[in-house]
Every structure is written in C-alpha cells, then in structure tokens.
Amino acid sequence: MTLRNWPSRRRNGLHALHMIVGAGLLVWLIKGSFAGRFTPQYNTPVEIVGLYWHFVDIVWIYLFPLLYLIDRHR
C-alpha cells in the first residue's frame, strides 16, 4: 500500500463502516418487528433508522461525484 492511496482507502473504509452499521440496524429492526416490538403508536426506532439510512445516502450522493468523478477525464 502506498501513501498516495491512503485517503481513498480511508474513505472506502469509512463508507463500509457506515454501511455495516446501517445493515446491522436494519437486521435489528426486522427482528424487532417479528417480535412485535413496534406498533403504529410506537415506531420511533424505525423512523430513526430510516433517517440514518437516508442521511448516509444523501452524503454519498454528494461525496461520490465530488471525490471520484471530478477530474476523471484527464
């Protein structure tokens, strides 16, 4: 591994960490829903996990073009 590739590897690792956390939260929600933990009156964890997942999506939508697509035509 060269020092030149370090920022790219760190970015990819950070993205992978957020995806693993998000996937774990989704599995936790599925288990909780099968256990009957969530009702129409109590669905706060579902809302919070949905907000987290959409936040990761929005950040990725901006970071991907900024970090990976700009100056690729050279």
PDB file of N, CA and C in Angstrom:
ATOM      1  N   MET A   1       0.854  -1.175   0.000  1.00  0.00           N
ATOM      2  CA  MET A   1       0.000   0.000   0.000  1.00  0.00           C
ATOM      3  C   MET A   1       0.898   1.236   0.000  1.00  0.00           C
ATOM      4  N   THR A   2       0.623   2.123  -0.912  1.00  0.00           N
ATOM      5  CA  THR A   2       1.403   3.345  -0.974  1.00  0.00           C
ATOM      6  C   THR A   2       0.704   4.446  -0.202  1.00  0.00           C
ATOM      7  N   LEU A   3       1.462   5.427   0.178  1.00  0.00           N
ATOM      8  CA  LEU A   3       0.910   6.560   0.917  1.00  0.00           C
ATOM      9  C   LEU A   3      -0.061   7.351   0.055  1.00  0.00           C
ATOM     10  N   ARG A   4       0.117   7.282  -1.247  1.00  0.00           N
ATOM     11  CA  ARG A   4      -0.763   8.007  -2.169  1.00  0.00           C
ATOM     12  C   ARG A   4      -2.194   7.465  -2.122  1.00  0.00           C
ATOM     13  N   ASN A   5      -2.375   6.174  -1.867  1.00  0.00           N
ATOM     14  CA  ASN A   5      -3.693   5.562  -1.846  1.00  0.00           C
ATOM     15  C   ASN A   5      -4.372   5.648  -0.482  1.00  0.00           C
ATOM     16  N   TRP A   6      -3.682   6.148   0.525  1.00  0.00           N
ATOM     17  CA  TRP A   6      -4.224   6.158   1.887  1.00  0.00           C
ATOM     18  C   TRP A   6      -5.560   6.906   2.013  1.00  0.00           C
ATOM     19  N   PRO A   7      -5.740   8.118   1.474  1.00  0.00           N
ATOM     20  CA  PRO A   7      -7.051   8.786   1.621  1.00  0.00           C
ATOM     21  C   PRO A   7      -8.190   8.004   0.979  1.00  0.00           C
ATOM     22  N   SER A   8      -7.945   7.382  -0.146  1.00  0.00           N
ATOM     23  CA  SER A   8      -9.001   6.620  -0.811  1.00  0.00           C
ATOM     24  C   SER A   8      -9.380   5.399   0.020  1.00  0.00           C
ATOM     25  N   ARG A   9      -8.403   4.707   0.566  1.00  0.00           N
ATOM     26  CA  ARG A   9      -8.687   3.526   1.399  1.00  0.00           C
ATOM     27  C   ARG A   9      -9.419   3.924   2.676  1.00  0.00           C
ATOM     28  N   ARG A  10      -9.054   5.048   3.248  1.00  0.00           N
ATOM     29  CA  ARG A  10      -9.720   5.517   4.461  1.00  0.00           C
ATOM     30  C   ARG A  10     -11.171   5.884   4.167  1.00  0.00           C
ATOM     31  N   ARG A  11     -11.416   6.535   3.028  1.00  0.00           N
ATOM     32  CA  ARG A  11     -12.788   6.860   2.620  1.00  0.00           C
ATOM     33  C   ARG A  11     -13.614   5.606   2.418  1.00  0.00           C
ATOM     34  N   ASN A  12     -13.043   4.638   1.723  1.00  0.00           N
ATOM     35  CA  ASN A  12     -13.774   3.396   1.477  1.00  0.00           C
ATOM     36  C   ASN A  12     -14.051   2.654   2.778  1.00  0.00           C
ATOM     37  N   GLY A  13     -13.102   2.657   3.693  1.00  0.00           N
ATOM     38  CA  GLY A  13     -13.305   2.014   4.984  1.00  0.00           C
ATOM     39  C   GLY A  13     -14.379   2.697   5.799  1.00  0.00           C
ATOM     40  N   LEU A  14     -14.404   4.017   5.768  1.00  0.00           N
ATOM     41  CA  LEU A  14     -15.432   4.764   6.495  1.00  0.00           C
ATOM     42  C   LEU A  14     -16.813   4.507   5.900  1.00  0.00           C
ATOM     43  N   HIS A  15     -16.881   4.449   4.586  1.00  0.00           N
ATOM     44  CA  HIS A  15     -18.147   4.133   3.927  1.00  0.00           C
ATOM     45  C   HIS A  15     -18.603   2.713   4.299  1.00  0.00           C
ATOM     46  N   ALA A  16     -17.677   1.769   4.275  1.00  0.00           N
ATOM     47  CA  ALA A  16     -18.017   0.387   4.636  1.00  0.00           C
ATOM     48  C   ALA A  16     -18.494   0.308   6.081  1.00  0.00           C
ATOM     49  N   LEU A  17     -17.864   1.047   6.977  1.00  0.00           N
ATOM     50  CA  LEU A  17     -18.283   1.052   8.380  1.00  0.00           C
ATOM     51  C   LEU A  17     -19.721   1.544   8.513  1.00  0.00           C
ATOM     52  N   HIS A  18     -20.054   2.624   7.821  1.00  0.00           N
ATOM     53  CA  HIS A  18     -21.419   3.146   7.891  1.00  0.00           C
ATOM     54  C   HIS A  18     -22.425   2.172   7.277  1.00  0.00           C
ATOM     55  N   MET A  19     -22.040   1.481   6.221  1.00  0.00           N
ATOM     56  CA  MET A  19     -22.936   0.505   5.608  1.00  0.00           C
ATOM     57  C   MET A  19     -23.148  -0.699   6.533  1.00  0.00           C
ATOM     58  N   ILE A  20     -22.099  -1.146   7.214  1.00  0.00           N
ATOM     59  CA  ILE A  20     -22.229  -2.262   8.146  1.00  0.00           C
ATOM     60  C   ILE A  20     -23.130  -1.881   9.311  1.00  0.00           C
ATOM     61  N   VAL A  21     -22.949  -0.668   9.842  1.00  0.00           N
ATOM     62  CA  VAL A  21     -23.812  -0.199  10.930  1.00  0.00           C
ATOM     63  C   VAL A  21     -25.261  -0.137  10.446  1.00  0.00           C
ATOM     64  N   GLY A  22     -25.490   0.408   9.261  1.00  0.00           N
ATOM     65  CA  GLY A  22     -26.842   0.502   8.725  1.00  0.00           C
ATOM     66  C   GLY A  22     -27.476  -0.860   8.502  1.00  0.00           C
ATOM     67  N   ALA A  23     -26.703  -1.803   7.966  1.00  0.00           N
ATOM     68  CA  ALA A  23     -27.233  -3.151   7.751  1.00  0.00           C
ATOM     69  C   ALA A  23     -27.547  -3.820   9.085  1.00  0.00           C
ATOM     70  N   GLY A  24     -26.693  -3.614  10.081  1.00  0.00           N
ATOM     71  CA  GLY A  24     -26.964  -4.164  11.408  1.00  0.00           C
ATOM     72  C   GLY A  24     -28.226  -3.584  12.025  1.00  0.00           C
ATOM     73  N   LEU A  25     -28.423  -2.292  11.842  1.00  0.00           N
ATOM     74  CA  LEU A  25     -29.641  -1.663  12.353  1.00  0.00           C
ATOM     75  C   LEU A  25     -30.887  -2.198  11.643  1.00  0.00           C
ATOM     76  N   LEU A  26     -30.783  -2.440  10.345  1.00  0.00           N
ATOM     77  CA  LEU A  26     -31.919  -2.992   9.616  1.00  0.00           C
ATOM     78  C   LEU A  26     -32.242  -4.413  10.092  1.00  0.00           C
ATOM     79  N   VAL A  27     -31.215  -5.208  10.350  1.00  0.00           N
ATOM     80  CA  VAL A  27     -31.450  -6.556  10.879  1.00  0.00           C
ATOM     81  C   VAL A  27     -32.115  -6.469  12.252  1.00  0.00           C
ATOM     82  N   TRP A  28     -31.643  -5.551  13.080  1.00  0.00           N
ATOM     83  CA  TRP A  28     -32.234  -5.349  14.412  1.00  0.00           C
ATOM     84  C   TRP A  28     -33.709  -4.951  14.292  1.00  0.00           C
ATOM     85  N   LEU A  29     -34.027  -4.077  13.319  1.00  0.00           N
ATOM     86  CA  LEU A  29     -35.420  -3.678  13.109  1.00  0.00           C
ATOM     87  C   LEU A  29     -36.285  -4.848  12.646  1.00  0.00           C
ATOM     88  N   ILE A  30     -35.755  -5.659  11.762  1.00  0.00           N
ATOM     89  CA  ILE A  30     -36.525  -6.809  11.281  1.00  0.00           C
ATOM     90  C   ILE A  30     -36.815  -7.771  12.431  1.00  0.00           C
ATOM     91  N   LYS A  31     -35.802  -8.044  13.252  1.00  0.00           N
ATOM     92  CA  LYS A  31     -36.021  -8.921  14.407  1.00  0.00           C
ATOM     93  C   LYS A  31     -37.050  -8.323  15.360  1.00  0.00           C
ATOM     94  N   GLY A  32     -36.950  -7.017  15.591  1.00  0.00           N
ATOM     95  CA  GLY A  32     -37.906  -6.349  16.473  1.00  0.00           C
ATOM     96  C   GLY A  32     -39.313  -6.347  15.923  1.00  0.00           C
ATOM     97  N   SER A  33     -39.440  -6.230  14.622  1.00  0.00           N
ATOM     98  CA  SER A  33     -40.791  -6.235  14.034  1.00  0.00           C
ATOM     99  C   SER A  33     -41.421  -7.617  14.122  1.00  0.00           C
ATOM    100  N   PHE A  34     -40.625  -8.667  13.930  1.00  0.00           N
ATOM    101  CA  PHE A  34     -41.165 -10.016  14.088  1.00  0.00           C
ATOM    102  C   PHE A  34     -41.524 -10.317  15.541  1.00  0.00           C
ATOM    103  N   ALA A  35     -40.830  -9.669  16.473  1.00  0.00           N
ATOM    104  CA  ALA A  35     -41.133  -9.863  17.893  1.00  0.00           C
ATOM    105  C   ALA A  35     -42.324  -9.014  18.333  1.00  0.00           C
ATOM    106  N   GLY A  36     -42.840  -8.174  17.454  1.00  0.00           N
ATOM    107  CA  GLY A  36     -43.992  -7.340  17.784  1.00  0.00           C
ATOM    108  C   GLY A  36     -43.645  -6.133  18.631  1.00  0.00           C
ATOM    109  N   ARG A  37     -42.403  -5.683  18.538  1.00  0.00           N
ATOM    110  CA  ARG A  37     -41.935  -4.570  19.353  1.00  0.00           C
ATOM    111  C   ARG A  37     -42.472  -3.217  18.865  1.00  0.00           C
ATOM    112  N   PHE A  38     -42.806  -3.109  17.607  1.00  0.00           N
ATOM    113  CA  PHE A  38     -43.226  -1.826  17.037  1.00  0.00           C
ATOM    114  C   PHE A  38     -44.716  -1.864  16.725  1.00  0.00           C
ATOM    115  N   THR A  39     -45.379  -0.761  17.004  1.00  0.00           N
ATOM    116  CA  THR A  39     -46.811  -0.616  16.741  1.00  0.00           C
ATOM    117  C   THR A  39     -47.020   0.693  15.990  1.00  0.00           C
ATOM    118  N   PRO A  40     -48.224   0.942  15.500  1.00  0.00           N
ATOM    119  CA  PRO A  40     -48.483   2.247  14.875  1.00  0.00           C
ATOM    120  C   PRO A  40     -48.282   3.411  15.853  1.00  0.00           C
ATOM    121  N   GLN A  41     -48.444   3.153  17.147  1.00  0.00           N
ATOM    122  CA  GLN A  41     -48.243   4.209  18.140  1.00  0.00           C
ATOM    123  C   GLN A  41     -46.762   4.357  18.511  1.00  0.00           C
ATOM    124  N   TYR A  42     -45.986   3.271  18.442  1.00  0.00           N
ATOM    125  CA  TYR A  42     -44.565   3.314  18.800  1.00  0.00           C
ATOM    126  C   TYR A  42     -43.731   2.776  17.642  1.00  0.00           C
ATOM    127  N   ASN A  43     -43.213   3.696  16.862  1.00  0.00           N
ATOM    128  CA  ASN A  43     -42.352   3.310  15.755  1.00  0.00           C
ATOM    129  C   ASN A  43     -41.122   4.221  15.665  1.00  0.00           C
ATOM    130  N   THR A  44     -40.736   4.815  16.771  1.00  0.00           N
ATOM    131  CA  THR A  44     -39.604   5.745  16.791  1.00  0.00           C
ATOM    132  C   THR A  44     -38.303   5.110  16.295  1.00  0.00           C
ATOM    133  N   PRO A  45     -37.939   3.892  16.723  1.00  0.00           N
ATOM    134  CA  PRO A  45     -36.699   3.310  16.188  1.00  0.00           C
ATOM    135  C   PRO A  45     -36.714   3.139  14.669  1.00  0.00           C
ATOM    136  N   VAL A  46     -37.859   2.811  14.121  1.00  0.00           N
ATOM    137  CA  VAL A  46     -37.963   2.664  12.667  1.00  0.00           C
ATOM    138  C   VAL A  46     -37.706   4.015  11.992  1.00  0.00           C
ATOM    139  N   GLU A  47     -38.279   5.064  12.543  1.00  0.00           N
ATOM    140  CA  GLU A  47     -38.072   6.419  11.986  1.00  0.00           C
ATOM    141  C   GLU A  47     -36.599   6.827  12.078  1.00  0.00           C
ATOM    142  N   ILE A  48     -35.974   6.563  13.215  1.00  0.00           N
ATOM    143  CA  ILE A  48     -34.582   6.984  13.418  1.00  0.00           C
ATOM    144  C   ILE A  48     -33.640   6.221  12.485  1.00  0.00           C
ATOM    145  N   VAL A  49     -33.845   4.915  12.353  1.00  0.00           N
ATOM    146  CA  VAL A  49     -33.004   4.132  11.443  1.00  0.00           C
ATOM    147  C   VAL A  49     -33.235   4.584   9.997  1.00  0.00           C
ATOM    148  N   GLY A  50     -34.470   4.899   9.648  1.00  0.00           N
ATOM    149  CA  GLY A  50     -34.745   5.418   8.308  1.00  0.00           C
ATOM    150  C   GLY A  50     -34.033   6.739   8.054  1.00  0.00           C
ATOM    151  N   LEU A  51     -34.017   7.614   9.045  1.00  0.00           N
ATOM    152  CA  LEU A  51     -33.297   8.884   8.910  1.00  0.00           C
ATOM    153  C   LEU A  51     -31.793   8.657   8.763  1.00  0.00           C
ATOM    154  N   TYR A  52     -31.241   7.722   9.544  1.00  0.00           N
ATOM    155  CA  TYR A  52     -29.812   7.409   9.434  1.00  0.00           C
ATOM    156  C   TYR A  52     -29.487   6.903   8.035  1.00  0.00           C
ATOM    157  N   TRP A  53     -30.295   5.968   7.545  1.00  0.00           N
ATOM    158  CA  TRP A  53     -30.038   5.379   6.231  1.00  0.00           C
ATOM    159  C   TRP A  53     -30.133   6.430   5.129  1.00  0.00           C
ATOM    160  N   HIS A  54     -31.117   7.320   5.218  1.00  0.00           N
ATOM    161  CA  HIS A  54     -31.252   8.373   4.206  1.00  0.00           C
ATOM    162  C   HIS A  54     -30.124   9.392   4.322  1.00  0.00           C
ATOM    163  N   PHE A  55     -29.652   9.664   5.529  1.00  0.00           N
ATOM    164  CA  PHE A  55     -28.514  10.567   5.694  1.00  0.00           C
ATOM    165  C   PHE A  55     -27.273   9.988   5.020  1.00  0.00           C
ATOM    166  N   VAL A  56     -27.014   8.694   5.218  1.00  0.00           N
ATOM    167  CA  VAL A  56     -25.872   8.056   4.563  1.00  0.00           C
ATOM    168  C   VAL A  56     -26.033   8.147   3.042  1.00  0.00           C
ATOM    169  N   ASP A  57     -27.246   7.941   2.531  1.00  0.00           N
ATOM    170  CA  ASP A  57     -27.492   8.053   1.090  1.00  0.00           C
ATOM    171  C   ASP A  57     -27.215   9.455   0.572  1.00  0.00           C
ATOM    172  N   ILE A  58     -27.729  10.453   1.270  1.00  0.00           N
ATOM    173  CA  ILE A  58     -27.546  11.844   0.818  1.00  0.00           C
ATOM    174  C   ILE A  58     -26.068  12.235   0.830  1.00  0.00           C
ATOM    175  N   VAL A  59     -25.370  11.869   1.882  1.00  0.00           N
ATOM    176  CA  VAL A  59     -23.934  12.185   1.941  1.00  0.00           C
ATOM    177  C   VAL A  59     -23.212  11.502   0.790  1.00  0.00           C
ATOM    178  N   TRP A  60     -23.545  10.242   0.510  1.00  0.00           N
ATOM    179  CA  TRP A  60     -22.889   9.518  -0.580  1.00  0.00           C
ATOM    180  C   TRP A  60     -23.209  10.129  -1.926  1.00  0.00           C
ATOM    181  N   ILE A  61     -24.437  10.613  -2.125  1.00  0.00           N
ATOM    182  CA  ILE A  61     -24.806  11.238  -3.394  1.00  0.00           C
ATOM    183  C   ILE A  61     -23.925  12.451  -3.677  1.00  0.00           C
ATOM    184  N   TYR A  62     -23.551  13.197  -2.646  1.00  0.00           N
ATOM    185  CA  TYR A  62     -22.688  14.358  -2.839  1.00  0.00           C
ATOM    186  C   TYR A  62     -21.210  13.986  -2.872  1.00  0.00           C
ATOM    187  N   LEU A  63     -20.790  13.045  -2.047  1.00  0.00           N
ATOM    188  CA  LEU A  63     -19.373  12.719  -1.987  1.00  0.00           C
ATOM    189  C   LEU A  63     -18.882  11.910  -3.181  1.00  0.00           C
ATOM    190  N   PHE A  64     -19.704  11.016  -3.698  1.00  0.00           N
ATOM    191  CA  PHE A  64     -19.252  10.192  -4.819  1.00  0.00           C
ATOM    192  C   PHE A  64     -18.823  11.034  -6.020  1.00  0.00           C
ATOM    193  N   PRO A  65     -19.674  11.939  -6.519  1.00  0.00           N
ATOM    194  CA  PRO A  65     -19.198  12.752  -7.652  1.00  0.00           C
ATOM    195  C   PRO A  65     -18.029  13.664  -7.274  1.00  0.00           C
ATOM    196  N   LEU A  66     -18.080  14.220  -6.070  1.00  0.00           N
ATOM    197  CA  LEU A  66     -17.035  15.147  -5.662  1.00  0.00           C
ATOM    198  C   LEU A  66     -15.676  14.472  -5.571  1.00  0.00           C
ATOM    199  N   LEU A  67     -15.627  13.275  -4.997  1.00  0.00           N
ATOM    200  CA  LEU A  67     -14.345  12.632  -4.741  1.00  0.00           C
ATOM    201  C   LEU A  67     -13.899  11.662  -5.827  1.00  0.00           C
ATOM    202  N   TYR A  68     -14.836  11.075  -6.561  1.00  0.00           N
ATOM    203  CA  TYR A  68     -14.463  10.045  -7.511  1.00  0.00           C
ATOM    204  C   TYR A  68     -14.633  10.433  -8.972  1.00  0.00           C
ATOM    205  N   LEU A  69     -15.523  11.356  -9.279  1.00  0.00           N
ATOM    206  CA  LEU A  69     -15.794  11.642 -10.687  1.00  0.00           C
ATOM    207  C   LEU A  69     -15.144  12.927 -11.194  1.00  0.00           C
ATOM    208  N   ILE A  70     -14.856  13.866 -10.310  1.00  0.00           N
ATOM    209  CA  ILE A  70     -14.219  15.116 -10.747  1.00  0.00           C
ATOM    210  C   ILE A  70     -12.771  14.812 -11.140  1.00  0.00           C
ATOM    211  N   ASP A  71     -12.345  15.328 -12.249  1.00  0.00           N
ATOM    212  CA  ASP A  71     -11.003  15.165 -12.816  1.00  0.00           C
ATOM    213  C   ASP A  71     -10.715  13.742 -13.269  1.00  0.00           C
ATOM    214  N   ARG A  72     -11.730  12.962 -13.581  1.00  0.00           N
ATOM    215  CA  ARG A  72     -11.501  11.615 -14.115  1.00  0.00           C
ATOM    216  C   ARG A  72     -11.280  11.647 -15.619  1.00  0.00           C
ATOM    217  N   HIS A  73     -11.591  12.769 -16.262  1.00  0.00           N
ATOM    218  CA  HIS A  73     -11.484  12.821 -17.721  1.00  0.00           C
ATOM    219  C   HIS A  73     -10.060  13.088 -18.191  1.00  0.00           C
ATOM    220  N   ARG A  74      -9.146  13.349 -17.301  1.00  0.00           N
ATOM    221  CA  ARG A  74      -7.759  13.645 -17.719  1.00  0.00           C
ATOM    222  C   ARG A  74      -6.978  12.403 -18.013  1.00  0.00           C
TER     223      ARG A  74
END
